[in-house]
PDB file of N, CA and C in Angstrom:
ATOM      1  N   MET A   1      44.445  17.125  52.182  1.00  0.00           N
ATOM      2  CA  MET A   1      43.154  16.204  51.682  1.00  0.00           C
ATOM      3  C   MET A   1      42.964  17.540  50.628  1.00  0.00           C
ATOM      4  N   GLU A   2      42.607  17.724  49.715  1.00  0.00           N
ATOM      5  CA  GLU A   2      41.748  18.317  48.186  1.00  0.00           C
ATOM      6  C   GLU A   2      40.766  18.640  47.885  1.00  0.00           C
ATOM      7  N   PRO A   3      39.797  18.758  48.648  1.00  0.00           N
ATOM      8  CA  PRO A   3      38.145  18.926  48.024  1.00  0.00           C
ATOM      9  C   PRO A   3      38.649  18.515  46.147  1.00  0.00           C
ATOM     10  N   PHE A   4      37.191  17.958  45.605  1.00  0.00           N
ATOM     11  CA  PHE A   4      36.988  17.919  43.943  1.00  0.00           C
ATOM     12  C   PHE A   4      35.960  17.850  43.558  1.00  0.00           C
ATOM     13  N   ALA A   5      35.619  18.115  42.329  1.00  0.00           N
ATOM     14  CA  ALA A   5      35.064  18.203  41.506  1.00  0.00           C
ATOM     15  C   ALA A   5      34.927  17.475  40.260  1.00  0.00           C
ATOM     16  N   VAL A   6      33.725  16.381  39.530  1.00  0.00           N
ATOM     17  CA  VAL A   6      34.163  15.872  38.216  1.00  0.00           C
ATOM     18  C   VAL A   6      33.390  16.436  37.330  1.00  0.00           C
ATOM     19  N   ALA A   7      34.114  17.756  36.694  1.00  0.00           N
ATOM     20  CA  ALA A   7      33.219  18.527  35.749  1.00  0.00           C
ATOM     21  C   ALA A   7      32.431  18.078  35.085  1.00  0.00           C
ATOM     22  N   ASP A   8      32.458  16.977  34.265  1.00  0.00           N
ATOM     23  CA  ASP A   8      31.100  16.643  33.146  1.00  0.00           C
ATOM     24  C   ASP A   8      30.227  15.640  33.772  1.00  0.00           C
ATOM     25  N   ALA A   9      30.135  15.698  35.205  1.00  0.00           N
ATOM     26  CA  ALA A   9      28.781  14.927  36.495  1.00  0.00           C
ATOM     27  C   ALA A   9      28.712  16.799  36.968  1.00  0.00           C
ATOM     28  N   VAL A  10      28.701  17.984  36.271  1.00  0.00           N
ATOM     29  CA  VAL A  10      27.733  19.204  37.226  1.00  0.00           C
ATOM     30  C   VAL A  10      26.757  19.151  36.458  1.00  0.00           C
ATOM     31  N   ALA A  11      25.853  19.572  37.128  1.00  0.00           N
ATOM     32  CA  ALA A  11      25.111  20.172  36.579  1.00  0.00           C
ATOM     33  C   ALA A  11      24.679  21.457  37.218  1.00  0.00           C
ATOM     34  N   ASP A  12      23.725  22.632  36.365  1.00  0.00           N
ATOM     35  CA  ASP A  12      23.336  23.347  36.631  1.00  0.00           C
ATOM     36  C   ASP A  12      22.264  24.084  36.197  1.00  0.00           C
ATOM     37  N   ARG A  13      21.195  25.675  36.527  1.00  0.00           N
ATOM     38  CA  ARG A  13      20.214  25.731  35.879  1.00  0.00           C
ATOM     39  C   ARG A  13      20.446  26.506  34.113  1.00  0.00           C
ATOM     40  N   THR A  14      21.920  27.093  34.313  1.00  0.00           N
ATOM     41  CA  THR A  14      22.319  27.652  32.895  1.00  0.00           C
ATOM     42  C   THR A  14      23.274  26.390  32.465  1.00  0.00           C
ATOM     43  N   ASP A  15      23.477  27.575  31.308  1.00  0.00           N
ATOM     44  CA  ASP A  15      25.101  27.324  30.503  1.00  0.00           C
ATOM     45  C   ASP A  15      26.005  27.755  31.391  1.00  0.00           C
ATOM     46  N   THR A  16      25.746  29.058  31.447  1.00  0.00           N
ATOM     47  CA  THR A  16      26.820  29.977  32.363  1.00  0.00           C
ATOM     48  C   THR A  16      27.256  29.348  33.290  1.00  0.00           C
ATOM     49  N   ASP A  17      25.950  29.341  33.830  1.00  0.00           N
ATOM     50  CA  ASP A  17      26.696  29.140  35.595  1.00  0.00           C
ATOM     51  C   ASP A  17      26.903  27.447  35.744  1.00  0.00           C
ATOM     52  N   HIS A  18      26.900  26.600  34.444  1.00  0.00           N
ATOM     53  CA  HIS A  18      27.382  25.072  34.131  1.00  0.00           C
ATOM     54  C   HIS A  18      28.979  25.054  34.281  1.00  0.00           C
ATOM     55  N   ARG A  19      29.206  26.105  33.340  1.00  0.00           N
ATOM     56  CA  ARG A  19      30.787  26.818  33.411  1.00  0.00           C
ATOM     57  C   ARG A  19      31.298  27.361  34.435  1.00  0.00           C
ATOM     58  N   ALA A  20      30.776  28.399  34.900  1.00  0.00           N
ATOM     59  CA  ALA A  20      31.081  29.289  35.775  1.00  0.00           C
ATOM     60  C   ALA A  20      31.453  28.287  37.134  1.00  0.00           C
ATOM     61  N   ALA A  21      30.536  26.656  37.293  1.00  0.00           N
ATOM     62  CA  ALA A  21      30.886  26.316  38.534  1.00  0.00           C
ATOM     63  C   ALA A  21      32.534  25.911  38.523  1.00  0.00           C
ATOM     64  N   PRO A  22      32.894  24.589  37.935  1.00  0.00           N
ATOM     65  CA  PRO A  22      34.467  24.088  37.729  1.00  0.00           C
ATOM     66  C   PRO A  22      35.658  25.145  38.210  1.00  0.00           C
ATOM     67  N   GLU A  23      35.012  26.294  36.967  1.00  0.00           N
ATOM     68  CA  GLU A  23      35.881  26.764  37.168  1.00  0.00           C
ATOM     69  C   GLU A  23      36.390  27.924  38.754  1.00  0.00           C
ATOM     70  N   TRP A  24      35.047  28.016  39.306  1.00  0.00           N
ATOM     71  CA  TRP A  24      35.497  28.747  40.684  1.00  0.00           C
ATOM     72  C   TRP A  24      35.962  27.386  41.285  1.00  0.00           C
ATOM     73  N   ILE A  25      35.578  26.278  41.387  1.00  0.00           N
ATOM     74  CA  ILE A  25      36.312  25.238  42.152  1.00  0.00           C
ATOM     75  C   ILE A  25      37.628  24.994  41.742  1.00  0.00           C
ATOM     76  N   ALA A  26      37.913  25.127  40.583  1.00  0.00           N
ATOM     77  CA  ALA A  26      39.863  25.495  40.342  1.00  0.00           C
ATOM     78  C   ALA A  26      40.233  26.535  40.645  1.00  0.00           C
ATOM     79  N   ALA A  27      39.369  27.896  40.982  1.00  0.00           N
ATOM     80  CA  ALA A  27      39.794  29.038  41.866  1.00  0.00           C
ATOM     81  C   ALA A  27      40.559  29.201  43.009  1.00  0.00           C
ATOM     82  N   THR A  28      39.456  28.524  43.529  1.00  0.00           N
ATOM     83  CA  THR A  28      39.055  29.076  44.894  1.00  0.00           C
ATOM     84  C   THR A  28      39.489  28.028  46.021  1.00  0.00           C
ATOM     85  N   CYS A  29      39.186  26.207  45.446  1.00  0.00           N
ATOM     86  CA  CYS A  29      39.170  25.939  46.611  1.00  0.00           C
ATOM     87  C   CYS A  29      39.742  23.892  46.168  1.00  0.00           C
ATOM     88  N   GLY A  30      39.919  23.627  44.848  1.00  0.00           N
ATOM     89  CA  GLY A  30      40.205  22.208  44.923  1.00  0.00           C
ATOM     90  C   GLY A  30      39.880  21.981  43.316  1.00  0.00           C
ATOM     91  N   ALA A  31      40.338  20.095  43.014  1.00  0.00           N
ATOM     92  CA  ALA A  31      40.594  20.058  41.959  1.00  0.00           C
ATOM     93  C   ALA A  31      39.447  20.020  40.891  1.00  0.00           C
ATOM     94  N   VAL A  32      39.753  19.562  40.139  1.00  0.00           N
ATOM     95  CA  VAL A  32      38.222  19.560  38.687  1.00  0.00           C
ATOM     96  C   VAL A  32      39.022  18.860  37.795  1.00  0.00           C
ATOM     97  N   ARG A  33      38.366  17.406  37.849  1.00  0.00           N
ATOM     98  CA  ARG A  33      38.820  16.512  36.224  1.00  0.00           C
ATOM     99  C   ARG A  33      37.759  15.684  36.193  1.00  0.00           C
ATOM    100  N   ALA A  34      37.570  15.272  34.478  1.00  0.00           N
ATOM    101  CA  ALA A  34      36.655  14.661  34.259  1.00  0.00           C
ATOM    102  C   ALA A  34      36.495  13.638  34.676  1.00  0.00           C
ATOM    103  N   VAL A  35      35.293  12.707  34.069  1.00  0.00           N
ATOM    104  CA  VAL A  35      35.289  11.365  34.570  1.00  0.00           C
ATOM    105  C   VAL A  35      36.666  10.274  34.746  1.00  0.00           C
ATOM    106  N   ARG A  36      36.889  10.280  33.108  1.00  0.00           N
ATOM    107  CA  ARG A  36      38.128  10.100  32.976  1.00  0.00           C
ATOM    108  C   ARG A  36      39.308   9.722  33.795  1.00  0.00           C
ATOM    109  N   GLY A  37      39.540  11.078  33.940  1.00  0.00           N
ATOM    110  CA  GLY A  37      40.349  11.460  35.312  1.00  0.00           C
ATOM    111  C   GLY A  37      40.369  10.806  36.114  1.00  0.00           C
ATOM    112  N   MET A  38      39.551  11.247  36.986  1.00  0.00           N
ATOM    113  CA  MET A  38      38.936  10.854  38.059  1.00  0.00           C
ATOM    114  C   MET A  38      39.178   8.825  38.356  1.00  0.00           C
ATOM    115  N   VAL A  39      38.175   8.270  37.537  1.00  0.00           N
ATOM    116  CA  VAL A  39      38.533   6.934  37.759  1.00  0.00           C
ATOM    117  C   VAL A  39      40.077   6.155  37.422  1.00  0.00           C
ATOM    118  N   ALA A  40      41.248   7.303  36.436  1.00  0.00           N
ATOM    119  CA  ALA A  40      42.016   6.642  36.371  1.00  0.00           C
ATOM    120  C   ALA A  40      43.260   7.499  38.123  1.00  0.00           C
ATOM    121  N   ALA A  41      42.540   8.349  38.076  1.00  0.00           N
ATOM    122  CA  ALA A  41      43.486   8.452  39.635  1.00  0.00           C
ATOM    123  C   ALA A  41      43.322   7.706  41.068  1.00  0.00           C
ATOM    124  N   LEU A  42      41.412   7.347  40.733  1.00  0.00           N
ATOM    125  CA  LEU A  42      41.288   6.122  41.643  1.00  0.00           C
ATOM    126  C   LEU A  42      41.487   4.804  41.898  1.00  0.00           C
ATOM    127  N   GLY A  43      42.483   4.935  40.334  1.00  0.00           N
ATOM    128  CA  GLY A  43      43.579   3.389  40.259  1.00  0.00           C
ATOM    129  C   GLY A  43      42.569   2.644  39.072  1.00  0.00           C
ATOM    130  N   GLY A  44      41.692   2.908  38.710  1.00  0.00           N
ATOM    131  CA  GLY A  44      40.961   2.289  37.552  1.00  0.00           C
ATOM    132  C   GLY A  44      40.834   2.386  36.357  1.00  0.00           C
ATOM    133  N   ASP A  45      40.712   1.879  35.421  1.00  0.00           N
ATOM    134  CA  ASP A  45      41.682   2.206  33.875  1.00  0.00           C
ATOM    135  C   ASP A  45      39.932   2.596  32.980  1.00  0.00           C
ATOM    136  N   GLY A  46      38.875   2.550  33.693  1.00  0.00           N
ATOM    137  CA  GLY A  46      38.079   2.869  32.781  1.00  0.00           C
ATOM    138  C   GLY A  46      36.905   2.405  32.162  1.00  0.00           C
ATOM    139  N   SER A  47      37.396   1.137  32.211  1.00  0.00           N
ATOM    140  CA  SER A  47      36.333  -0.599  31.232  1.00  0.00           C
ATOM    141  C   SER A  47      35.507  -0.203  32.044  1.00  0.00           C
ATOM    142  N   GLY A  48      35.595  -0.107  33.498  1.00  0.00           N
ATOM    143  CA  GLY A  48      34.146  -0.632  34.009  1.00  0.00           C
ATOM    144  C   GLY A  48      34.353  -2.572  34.857  1.00  0.00           C
ATOM    145  N   ALA A  49      35.043  -2.276  34.625  1.00  0.00           N
ATOM    146  CA  ALA A  49      35.960  -3.987  35.179  1.00  0.00           C
ATOM    147  C   ALA A  49      35.778  -3.992  36.742  1.00  0.00           C
ATOM    148  N   GLU A  50      35.941  -3.009  37.294  1.00  0.00           N
ATOM    149  CA  GLU A  50      36.156  -2.749  38.757  1.00  0.00           C
ATOM    150  C   GLU A  50      35.049  -3.564  39.441  1.00  0.00           C
ATOM    151  N   ARG A  51      34.148  -3.084  38.964  1.00  0.00           N
ATOM    152  CA  ARG A  51      32.484  -3.213  38.990  1.00  0.00           C
ATOM    153  C   ARG A  51      32.302  -4.798  39.927  1.00  0.00           C
ATOM    154  N   GLY A  52      32.187  -4.422  40.634  1.00  0.00           N
ATOM    155  CA  GLY A  52      31.826  -6.070  41.039  1.00  0.00           C
ATOM    156  C   GLY A  52      32.985  -7.322  41.243  1.00  0.00           C
ATOM    157  N   ARG A  53      34.106  -6.123  41.466  1.00  0.00           N
ATOM    158  CA  ARG A  53      35.543  -7.247  42.173  1.00  0.00           C
ATOM    159  C   ARG A  53      35.140  -7.100  43.584  1.00  0.00           C
ATOM    160  N   ARG A  54      36.031  -8.344  44.237  1.00  0.00           N
ATOM    161  CA  ARG A  54      35.713  -8.376  45.054  1.00  0.00           C
ATOM    162  C   ARG A  54      36.733  -8.327  45.951  1.00  0.00           C
ATOM    163  N   SER A  55      36.968  -8.292  47.191  1.00  0.00           N
ATOM    164  CA  SER A  55      38.485  -8.343  47.926  1.00  0.00           C
ATOM    165  C   SER A  55      39.107  -9.377  48.514  1.00  0.00           C
TER     166      SER A  55
END
């Protein structure tokens, strides 16, 4: 199992800290992806069609 962070869903108090967080995660402990990359990794196509789908 690898921890992950969604880079464009990270917020911080300063722009410098905002950019540093994903860089630190990637360098030390996990994977960093954008929202579209996470959706694809989880098997979605990004269209939002997954919402409301029942198994």
